[in-house]
Protein backbone atom coordinates (compact mmCIF):
# COMPACT_ATOMS: atom_id res chain seq x y z
CA MET A 1 114.32 -69.17 -10.84
CA ILE A 2 111.34 -67.54 -12.62
CA TYR A 3 110.14 -65.91 -9.40
CA PHE A 4 113.65 -64.78 -8.45
CA ILE A 5 113.96 -62.96 -11.78
CA TYR A 6 110.46 -61.49 -11.42
CA ASN A 7 111.09 -60.19 -7.89
CA THR A 8 114.50 -58.80 -8.80
CA LEU A 9 112.91 -56.85 -11.68
CA LEU A 10 109.96 -55.81 -9.50
CA TYR A 11 112.14 -54.25 -6.80
CA PHE A 12 114.53 -52.73 -9.32
CA ILE A 13 111.67 -51.04 -11.21
CA SER A 14 110.10 -49.94 -7.91
CA ILE A 15 113.31 -48.16 -6.87
CA ILE A 16 113.75 -46.49 -10.27
CA ALA A 17 110.09 -45.39 -10.40
CA ALA A 18 109.91 -44.28 -6.74
CA PRO A 19 110.31 -40.51 -7.43
CA TYR A 20 107.52 -40.63 -10.00
CA PHE A 21 105.11 -42.39 -7.66
CA LEU A 22 106.03 -40.10 -4.77
CA CYS A 23 104.98 -37.14 -6.92
CA LYS A 24 101.73 -38.91 -7.71
CA LEU A 25 101.11 -39.45 -3.99
CA VAL A 26 101.74 -35.78 -3.21
CA PHE A 27 99.63 -34.25 -5.98
CA TYR A 28 96.81 -36.80 -6.48
CA LYS A 29 94.54 -37.80 -3.62
CA LYS A 30 93.30 -40.94 -5.37
CA HIS A 31 96.82 -42.43 -5.28
CA ARG A 32 96.90 -42.03 -1.49
CA MET A 33 93.63 -43.88 -1.01
CA GLY A 34 94.13 -47.23 0.69
CA LEU A 35 97.93 -46.95 0.55
CA SER A 36 98.46 -48.83 3.82
CA GLN A 37 96.14 -51.60 2.59
CA ARG A 38 98.16 -51.89 -0.61
CA PHE A 39 101.20 -52.63 1.57
CA GLY A 40 99.32 -55.32 3.51
CA LYS A 41 97.90 -53.45 6.52
CA LEU A 42 94.16 -54.15 6.78
CA PRO A 43 91.75 -52.72 9.38
CA GLN A 44 91.59 -54.92 12.49
CA SER A 45 87.79 -55.10 12.28
CA LEU A 46 88.05 -56.58 8.78
CA ILE A 47 90.66 -59.11 9.93
CA ASP A 48 88.48 -60.16 12.88
CA THR A 49 85.48 -60.65 10.58
CA ALA A 50 87.55 -62.67 8.09
CA GLN A 51 88.94 -65.00 10.75
CA SER A 52 85.60 -65.71 12.39
CA GLY A 53 84.42 -68.22 9.80
CA LYS A 54 84.53 -69.44 6.21
CA SER A 55 85.21 -66.79 3.59
CA VAL A 56 85.65 -66.09 -0.11
CA TRP A 57 87.89 -63.35 -1.52
CA ILE A 58 86.65 -61.80 -4.77
CA HIS A 59 88.87 -59.42 -6.72
CA ALA A 60 87.68 -56.87 -9.29
CA VAL A 61 90.08 -54.25 -10.65
CA SER A 62 87.82 -51.28 -11.37
CA VAL A 63 84.23 -50.21 -12.00
CA GLY A 64 83.66 -52.51 -14.99
CA GLU A 65 84.88 -55.60 -13.17
CA VAL A 66 82.94 -54.70 -10.02
CA ALA A 67 79.78 -54.40 -12.15
CA ALA A 68 80.51 -57.84 -13.63
CA ALA A 69 81.03 -59.27 -10.13
CA MET A 70 77.76 -57.93 -8.71
CA PRO A 71 75.35 -60.54 -10.16
CA PHE A 72 77.85 -63.27 -9.25
CA ILE A 73 78.09 -62.02 -5.65
CA GLU A 74 74.30 -62.03 -5.39
CA GLU A 75 74.10 -65.63 -6.61
CA PHE A 76 77.00 -66.68 -4.36
CA ARG A 77 75.25 -65.23 -1.31
CA LYS A 78 72.13 -67.26 -2.10
CA MET A 79 74.04 -70.52 -2.59
CA PHE A 80 76.54 -70.08 0.27
CA PRO A 81 74.86 -67.88 2.92
CA LYS A 82 77.32 -68.90 5.67
CA TYR A 83 80.38 -67.66 3.78
CA ARG A 84 81.73 -64.19 4.39
CA ILE A 85 82.41 -62.29 1.17
CA PHE A 86 85.40 -59.96 0.86
CA LEU A 87 85.93 -57.79 -2.18
CA SER A 88 89.15 -56.07 -3.27
CA THR A 89 89.74 -53.50 -6.01
CA VAL A 90 92.78 -51.80 -7.52
CA THR A 91 91.41 -48.42 -8.55
CA ALA A 92 89.93 -45.74 -6.32
CA THR A 93 86.89 -45.41 -8.60
CA GLY A 94 86.30 -49.16 -8.38
CA ASN A 95 86.52 -48.97 -4.59
CA GLN A 96 84.01 -46.09 -4.44
CA PHE A 97 81.61 -47.93 -6.73
CA ALA A 98 81.92 -51.15 -4.72
CA LYS A 99 80.80 -49.36 -1.54
CA LYS A 100 77.26 -49.53 -2.92
CA ILE A 101 77.22 -53.34 -2.77
CA LYS A 102 75.21 -54.61 0.20
CA ASN A 103 76.08 -58.30 -0.06
CA ILE A 104 79.73 -58.07 1.05
CA ASP A 105 81.32 -58.29 4.50
CA GLY A 106 84.47 -56.32 3.74
CA LEU A 107 86.03 -54.08 1.10
CA PHE A 108 89.72 -53.22 0.68
CA PHE A 109 92.43 -52.37 -1.84
CA PHE A 110 94.34 -55.24 -3.43
CA PRO A 111 97.96 -55.40 -2.18
CA PHE A 112 100.96 -54.51 -4.31
CA ASP A 113 102.57 -57.70 -5.61
CA TYR A 114 105.42 -57.67 -3.10
CA LEU A 115 105.83 -60.97 -1.28
CA PHE A 116 105.64 -59.44 2.21
CA ALA A 117 102.38 -57.59 1.33
CA VAL A 118 100.51 -60.43 -0.39
CA LYS A 119 101.46 -63.01 2.25
CA LYS A 120 100.32 -60.70 5.03
CA VAL A 121 96.91 -60.09 3.45
CA LEU A 122 96.42 -63.75 2.57
CA GLU A 123 97.13 -64.67 6.19
CA HIS A 124 94.71 -62.00 7.44
CA ILE A 125 91.83 -63.00 5.12
CA SER A 126 92.71 -66.71 4.93
CA PRO A 127 90.00 -67.34 2.32
CA ASN A 128 88.66 -70.77 1.44
CA ILE A 129 88.82 -69.69 -2.19
CA PHE A 130 90.11 -66.72 -4.22
CA ILE A 131 88.15 -65.53 -7.28
CA THR A 132 89.41 -62.89 -9.70
CA PHE A 133 87.50 -61.24 -12.54
CA GLU A 134 88.75 -60.67 -16.10
CA THR A 135 92.33 -61.93 -16.18
CA GLU A 136 94.07 -60.27 -13.26
CA ILE A 137 97.40 -62.09 -12.96
CA TRP A 138 99.81 -61.24 -10.12
CA PRO A 139 102.69 -63.77 -9.91
CA ASN A 140 103.67 -63.43 -6.23
CA PHE A 141 100.08 -63.38 -5.07
CA LEU A 142 99.08 -66.47 -7.04
CA LYS A 143 102.19 -68.41 -5.96
CA SER A 144 101.61 -67.51 -2.31
CA ALA A 145 97.95 -68.56 -2.51
CA GLN A 146 98.99 -71.86 -4.08
CA ASP A 147 101.54 -72.44 -1.28
CA MET A 148 98.73 -71.89 1.24
CA ASN A 149 96.46 -74.37 -0.63
CA ILE A 150 93.96 -71.67 -1.53
CA PRO A 151 92.19 -72.49 -4.86
CA CYS A 152 92.41 -69.58 -7.33
CA ILE A 153 89.61 -69.26 -9.88
CA LEU A 154 89.52 -66.92 -12.87
CA ILE A 155 86.00 -65.77 -13.84
CA ASN A 156 84.91 -63.75 -16.88
CA GLY A 157 88.34 -64.42 -18.30
CA ARG A 158 89.13 -62.48 -21.43
CA ILE A 159 92.33 -61.61 -23.28
CA SER A 160 92.25 -58.69 -25.69
CA PRO A 161 94.26 -58.84 -28.94
CA ASP A 162 96.75 -56.28 -27.60
CA SER A 163 97.25 -58.12 -24.32
CA PHE A 164 97.60 -61.43 -26.12
CA LYS A 165 100.27 -59.99 -28.41
CA HIS A 166 102.28 -58.77 -25.39
CA TYR A 167 101.74 -61.90 -23.30
CA LYS A 168 102.98 -64.16 -26.09
CA LYS A 169 106.37 -62.47 -25.92
CA ILE A 170 106.82 -63.82 -22.38
CA LYS A 171 104.91 -67.05 -22.82
CA PHE A 172 107.62 -69.03 -21.00
CA PHE A 173 106.94 -66.87 -17.93
CA PHE A 174 103.13 -67.05 -18.14
CA LYS A 175 103.15 -70.83 -18.37
CA HIS A 176 104.63 -71.02 -14.85
CA ILE A 177 102.25 -68.40 -13.41
CA LEU A 178 99.10 -69.95 -14.90
CA LYS A 179 99.83 -73.24 -13.12
CA ASN A 180 98.70 -71.56 -9.90
CA PHE A 181 95.10 -71.31 -11.11
CA SER A 182 92.73 -74.15 -10.33
CA VAL A 183 90.18 -73.25 -13.03
CA PHE A 184 89.86 -70.72 -15.85
CA CYS A 185 86.26 -69.70 -16.63
CA MET A 186 86.61 -67.82 -19.92
CA GLN A 187 84.03 -65.65 -21.66
CA THR A 188 84.34 -67.03 -25.20
CA GLU A 189 85.92 -69.80 -27.25
CA GLN A 190 88.43 -67.25 -28.56
CA ASP A 191 89.47 -66.37 -24.98
CA LYS A 192 89.79 -70.09 -24.25
CA THR A 193 92.07 -70.58 -27.27
CA ARG A 194 94.28 -67.66 -26.20
CA ILE A 195 94.69 -68.77 -22.57
CA LEU A 196 95.55 -72.29 -23.77
CA GLU A 197 98.16 -70.88 -26.15
CA LEU A 198 99.71 -68.98 -23.24
CA GLY A 199 100.22 -72.24 -21.37
CA ALA A 200 97.06 -72.98 -19.34
CA GLU A 201 96.34 -76.67 -18.82
CA LYS A 202 93.48 -77.82 -21.05
CA ARG A 203 91.72 -79.73 -18.25
CA LYS A 204 91.38 -76.49 -16.25
CA VAL A 205 89.81 -74.30 -18.95
CA ARG A 206 86.05 -73.81 -19.39
CA VAL A 207 83.86 -71.42 -21.38
CA THR A 208 81.10 -70.15 -19.09
CA GLY A 209 80.14 -66.81 -20.65
CA ASN A 210 80.06 -63.25 -19.35
CA THR A 211 78.44 -62.44 -15.99
CA LYS A 212 77.68 -58.90 -17.25
CA PHE A 213 74.80 -60.46 -19.18
CA ASP A 214 73.30 -61.38 -15.79
CA ALA A 215 73.26 -57.80 -14.52
CA LEU A 216 69.80 -57.09 -15.91
CA VAL A 217 67.55 -54.80 -13.89
CA SER A 218 63.88 -55.66 -13.54
CA LYS A 219 61.34 -53.69 -15.59
CA GLU A 220 59.81 -52.24 -12.41
CA GLU A 221 63.18 -51.06 -11.11
CA ASN A 222 63.98 -49.59 -14.54
CA THR A 223 60.85 -47.47 -14.37
CA ASP A 224 61.73 -46.12 -10.92
CA ILE A 225 65.28 -45.29 -11.94
CA LYS A 226 64.13 -43.75 -15.21
CA ASN A 227 61.55 -41.50 -13.52
CA LYS A 228 64.14 -40.39 -10.96
CA PHE A 229 66.60 -39.23 -13.62
CA ILE A 230 63.90 -37.66 -15.80
CA LYS A 231 63.03 -35.46 -12.84
CA ILE A 232 66.64 -34.63 -11.90
CA PHE A 233 67.64 -33.83 -15.48
CA CYS A 234 64.43 -31.88 -16.23
CA ILE A 235 63.68 -33.95 -19.33
CA GLU A 236 60.50 -33.08 -21.20
CA GLU A 237 58.22 -35.56 -22.97
CA ASN A 238 59.40 -34.58 -26.46
CA ASP A 239 63.12 -34.55 -25.61
CA LYS A 240 65.42 -37.02 -27.33
CA VAL A 241 68.39 -38.14 -25.21
CA ILE A 242 71.72 -39.26 -26.64
CA ILE A 243 74.23 -40.73 -24.19
CA ALA A 244 77.91 -40.95 -25.15
CA GLY A 245 79.25 -43.36 -22.55
CA SER A 246 82.88 -43.82 -21.47
CA THR A 247 84.42 -41.47 -24.02
CA HIS A 248 88.20 -41.07 -24.38
CA LYS A 249 90.60 -38.31 -25.38
CA GLY A 250 89.99 -37.32 -28.99
CA GLU A 251 86.41 -38.63 -28.99
CA GLU A 252 84.55 -35.82 -27.26
CA LYS A 253 85.27 -33.38 -30.11
CA LYS A 254 83.92 -35.89 -32.63
CA VAL A 255 80.81 -36.51 -30.54
CA LEU A 256 80.22 -32.78 -30.07
CA ASP A 257 80.62 -32.10 -33.81
CA ALA A 258 78.10 -34.87 -34.54
CA PHE A 259 75.73 -33.46 -31.90
CA GLN A 260 75.88 -29.95 -33.34
CA TYR A 261 75.09 -31.37 -36.77
CA ILE A 262 72.08 -33.25 -35.35
CA CYS A 263 70.80 -30.12 -33.62
CA GLN A 264 70.61 -28.42 -37.03
CA LYS A 265 68.30 -31.18 -38.28
CA ALA A 266 66.25 -32.02 -35.16
CA SER A 267 64.89 -30.16 -32.15
CA ASN A 268 64.68 -31.03 -28.46
CA VAL A 269 67.87 -33.12 -28.47
CA LEU A 270 69.89 -33.56 -25.26
CA LEU A 271 73.42 -34.98 -25.01
CA ILE A 272 74.76 -36.62 -21.86
CA LEU A 273 78.54 -36.85 -22.21
CA ALA A 274 80.28 -39.30 -19.88
CA PRO A 275 84.12 -39.22 -20.02
CA ARG A 276 85.66 -42.54 -19.04
CA HIS A 277 88.21 -41.17 -16.57
CA PRO A 278 87.33 -38.68 -13.78
CA GLU A 279 90.66 -36.86 -14.19
CA ARG A 280 89.50 -35.75 -17.67
CA PHE A 281 86.35 -33.92 -16.53
CA GLN A 282 88.11 -30.54 -16.54
CA GLU A 283 89.64 -31.22 -19.94
CA VAL A 284 86.19 -31.92 -21.41
CA THR A 285 84.60 -28.84 -19.84
CA LYS A 286 87.45 -26.74 -21.24
CA LEU A 287 86.73 -28.16 -24.71
CA LEU A 288 83.09 -27.10 -24.39
CA LYS A 289 84.07 -23.61 -23.25
CA ASN A 290 86.48 -23.23 -26.17
CA LYS A 291 83.69 -24.22 -28.56
CA ASN A 292 81.35 -21.79 -26.77
CA ILE A 293 78.84 -24.57 -26.05
CA SER A 294 76.50 -24.23 -23.07
CA TYR A 295 76.58 -27.17 -20.63
CA ILE A 296 75.84 -28.16 -17.04
CA LEU A 297 77.59 -30.62 -14.72
CA ARG A 298 75.64 -33.57 -13.36
CA SER A 299 77.10 -32.93 -9.89
CA THR A 300 75.39 -29.53 -9.76
CA LEU A 301 71.91 -30.77 -10.63
CA ALA A 302 71.07 -31.54 -7.00
CA LYS A 303 71.16 -27.79 -6.30
CA THR A 304 70.84 -26.18 -9.74
CA LYS A 305 68.00 -26.76 -12.19
CA ARG A 306 68.87 -27.41 -15.82
CA GLU A 307 67.40 -24.74 -18.04
CA LYS A 308 68.40 -24.36 -21.68
CA GLN A 309 71.64 -26.35 -21.59
CA GLN A 310 71.53 -29.16 -24.16
CA ILE A 311 74.64 -30.90 -22.84
CA ILE A 312 75.13 -32.54 -19.44
CA ILE A 313 78.61 -33.66 -18.39
CA LEU A 314 78.38 -36.79 -16.24
CA ASP A 315 81.04 -35.94 -13.64
CA THR A 316 79.90 -38.56 -11.11
CA ILE A 317 81.01 -42.17 -10.65
CA GLY A 318 78.84 -45.30 -10.93
CA GLU A 319 75.73 -43.72 -12.46
CA LEU A 320 76.27 -44.37 -16.16
CA SER A 321 74.72 -47.85 -16.30
CA LYS A 322 71.54 -46.56 -14.60
CA LEU A 323 71.46 -43.42 -16.73
CA TYR A 324 71.11 -45.57 -19.83
CA THR A 325 67.43 -46.00 -18.81
CA ILE A 326 66.65 -42.47 -20.04
CA ALA A 327 68.55 -42.76 -23.32
CA ASP A 328 66.92 -42.87 -26.73
CA VAL A 329 70.26 -43.72 -28.36
CA VAL A 330 73.61 -44.80 -26.87
CA PHE A 331 77.08 -44.30 -28.33
CA ILE A 332 79.80 -46.53 -26.87
CA GLY A 333 82.99 -44.59 -26.17
CA GLY A 334 86.49 -45.85 -26.81
CA SER A 335 85.37 -47.06 -30.24
CA LEU A 336 86.10 -44.00 -32.42
CA VAL A 337 89.69 -43.98 -31.16
CA PRO A 338 91.91 -47.08 -30.93
CA THR A 339 91.08 -47.87 -27.31
CA GLY A 340 89.06 -51.02 -27.94
CA GLY A 341 85.57 -49.93 -26.91
CA HIS A 342 83.58 -50.53 -23.73
CA ASN A 343 80.69 -52.55 -22.38
CA VAL A 344 77.82 -52.76 -24.89
CA ILE A 345 75.81 -55.15 -22.75
CA GLU A 346 74.57 -52.58 -20.20
CA PRO A 347 72.64 -50.35 -22.63
CA ALA A 348 71.58 -53.30 -24.78
CA SER A 349 70.09 -55.08 -21.75
CA LEU A 350 67.88 -52.03 -21.17
CA GLY A 351 66.52 -52.13 -24.71
CA LYS A 352 68.53 -49.22 -26.08
CA PRO A 353 69.78 -48.99 -29.67
CA VAL A 354 73.58 -49.10 -29.52
CA VAL A 355 76.05 -47.39 -31.85
CA PHE A 356 79.83 -47.84 -31.84
CA GLY A 357 82.85 -47.09 -33.98
CA PRO A 358 85.40 -49.36 -35.71
CA TYR A 359 87.55 -50.06 -32.62
CA MET A 360 85.70 -52.67 -30.52
CA TYR A 361 88.47 -55.24 -30.19
CA ASN A 362 88.19 -55.44 -26.38
CA PHE A 363 84.55 -56.50 -26.73
CA THR A 364 84.66 -58.40 -30.01
CA GLU A 365 82.29 -61.19 -29.03
CA SER A 366 79.47 -59.09 -27.55
CA ALA A 367 79.76 -56.50 -30.35
CA LYS A 368 79.62 -59.26 -32.98
CA LEU A 369 76.63 -60.82 -31.23
CA LEU A 370 74.64 -57.58 -31.37
CA LEU A 371 75.68 -56.75 -34.92
CA GLU A 372 74.70 -60.16 -36.28
CA GLY A 373 71.34 -59.94 -34.52
CA LYS A 374 70.79 -56.35 -35.75
CA GLY A 375 70.74 -55.00 -32.20
CA ALA A 376 73.56 -52.52 -32.83
CA ILE A 377 75.15 -50.43 -35.59
CA GLN A 378 78.87 -50.06 -36.25
CA ILE A 379 79.90 -46.82 -37.95
CA PRO A 380 83.25 -46.23 -39.71
CA ASP A 381 84.01 -42.67 -38.61
CA GLU A 382 82.79 -39.35 -37.19
CA ALA A 383 80.62 -38.56 -40.24
CA GLY A 384 78.99 -41.96 -39.92
CA LEU A 385 78.27 -41.24 -36.25
CA ALA A 386 76.33 -38.04 -37.02
CA ASP A 387 74.25 -39.69 -39.77
CA CYS A 388 73.51 -42.81 -37.71
CA LEU A 389 72.49 -40.95 -34.55
CA LEU A 390 70.27 -38.61 -36.57
CA LYS A 391 68.55 -41.52 -38.30
CA LEU A 392 67.76 -43.15 -34.94
CA ILE A 393 66.55 -39.87 -33.42
CA LEU A 394 64.23 -39.13 -36.36
CA ASN A 395 62.91 -42.72 -36.59
CA PRO A 396 61.77 -43.71 -33.07
CA GLU A 397 60.01 -46.88 -34.26
CA TYR A 398 63.19 -48.09 -35.95
CA ALA A 399 65.19 -47.22 -32.81
CA LYS A 400 62.71 -49.08 -30.58
CA GLN A 401 62.81 -52.18 -32.78
CA MET A 402 66.60 -52.18 -32.67
CA GLY A 403 66.61 -51.72 -28.88
CA ASP A 404 64.09 -54.52 -28.34
CA THR A 405 66.26 -56.82 -30.45
CA ALA A 406 69.34 -55.92 -28.41
CA LYS A 407 67.52 -56.66 -25.15
CA ARG A 408 66.33 -60.05 -26.42
CA ILE A 409 69.86 -61.01 -27.50
CA VAL A 410 71.27 -60.13 -24.06
CA SER A 411 68.46 -61.98 -22.23
CA GLU A 412 69.24 -65.16 -24.15
CA LYS A 413 72.87 -65.02 -22.95
CA LYS A 414 72.14 -64.90 -19.22
CA GLY A 415 73.34 -67.62 -16.81
CA ALA A 416 77.13 -67.23 -16.60
CA SER A 417 77.03 -66.55 -12.83
CA LYS A 418 75.23 -69.83 -12.15
CA ARG A 419 77.54 -71.78 -14.46
CA ASN A 420 80.56 -70.35 -12.64
CA LEU A 421 79.04 -71.19 -9.26
CA GLU A 422 78.51 -74.80 -10.28
CA ILE A 423 82.26 -75.08 -10.87
CA ILE A 424 83.20 -73.19 -7.69
CA SER A 425 80.84 -75.26 -5.53
CA ARG A 426 82.95 -78.36 -6.24
CA PHE A 427 85.90 -76.72 -4.46
CA LEU A 428 83.87 -75.38 -1.54
CA ASN A 429 81.92 -78.61 -1.01
CA ASN A 430 85.18 -80.56 -0.95
């Protein structure tokens, strides 16, 4: 009965929303990407590869989840070299980012949750196990996988306060859906408590940590990456680099105001501004033009040399985590506006002092970890941002000490990928 109601609502909403999505398809190229795959039609070459042996299907929604999956995929390949690895994403940016991964045998877009689409793809891939990152729950897909005796594992499971509040309203529905999972590998004890309250069976829930802690780059590789970007960005020895990563609407103005204040107090300061969503690049450049601030786009630096511009707009995808290597200070976007913040682990793992605003509820545990260990600073507002960034810029020894502390904290939390694999190996070995 639960699935009948769900599918009735799904098709009803699809019909009502059809004109809206048709407009999206016409005017936005990214919505046309992989459309046939989303309806269950995979390339024949991918199907042939999938059906030629044992396989695992890993699902990661977008760039953040793909980044979290990368260290796990590497460990999985070492432990199970004979298994073919297939990776699916939902977003176009996630798909583009995932193309850089060498350890996979196939990449495609996750199907819409229509029964005909999910069954078709499951039959094509026929995985020995399905693994999804960070609480992706699709009722028809999970039920179909269960009917085909495919174990479904949730890794890096987390439930934000907002999501939890909404999920609780339909707890009776979630309890039925969650039965289709074989194991829940949650990031924290708080995430474990929330998934249990939503109806997950206690015997299936584990706390294994966050695989993003495992995505540490070696010191040698850091140096190579750092030198590459120093050259591309024309950074001088005395320059101080501030990176504002994954900023949202309403934040760029605050960051720019703070940066202009800093420039009055310190010299040789460079800001790399990285909007979270590619569709906002033009909006951010327009803001800079209106404020009469000189800037240059990252995408043009391959052909154009940066001269006096003190602001670089990162208008490329998948480079931010590597760019942190050249930062002297990092501000985490989504934290000065009520968005919930973003990944603090990436810059912290590279030994960078991290600053974020009051809204970090999507990353409560990692933010708390860094704050308690004095590897990060939380500021209350825009004025606090300017003062904090200036203090770190003018006190390099203090900034280095804070960054070193952050890196140590992250290093001590590594190992989630291996813990998850220990659990998964029980299903594959059986």
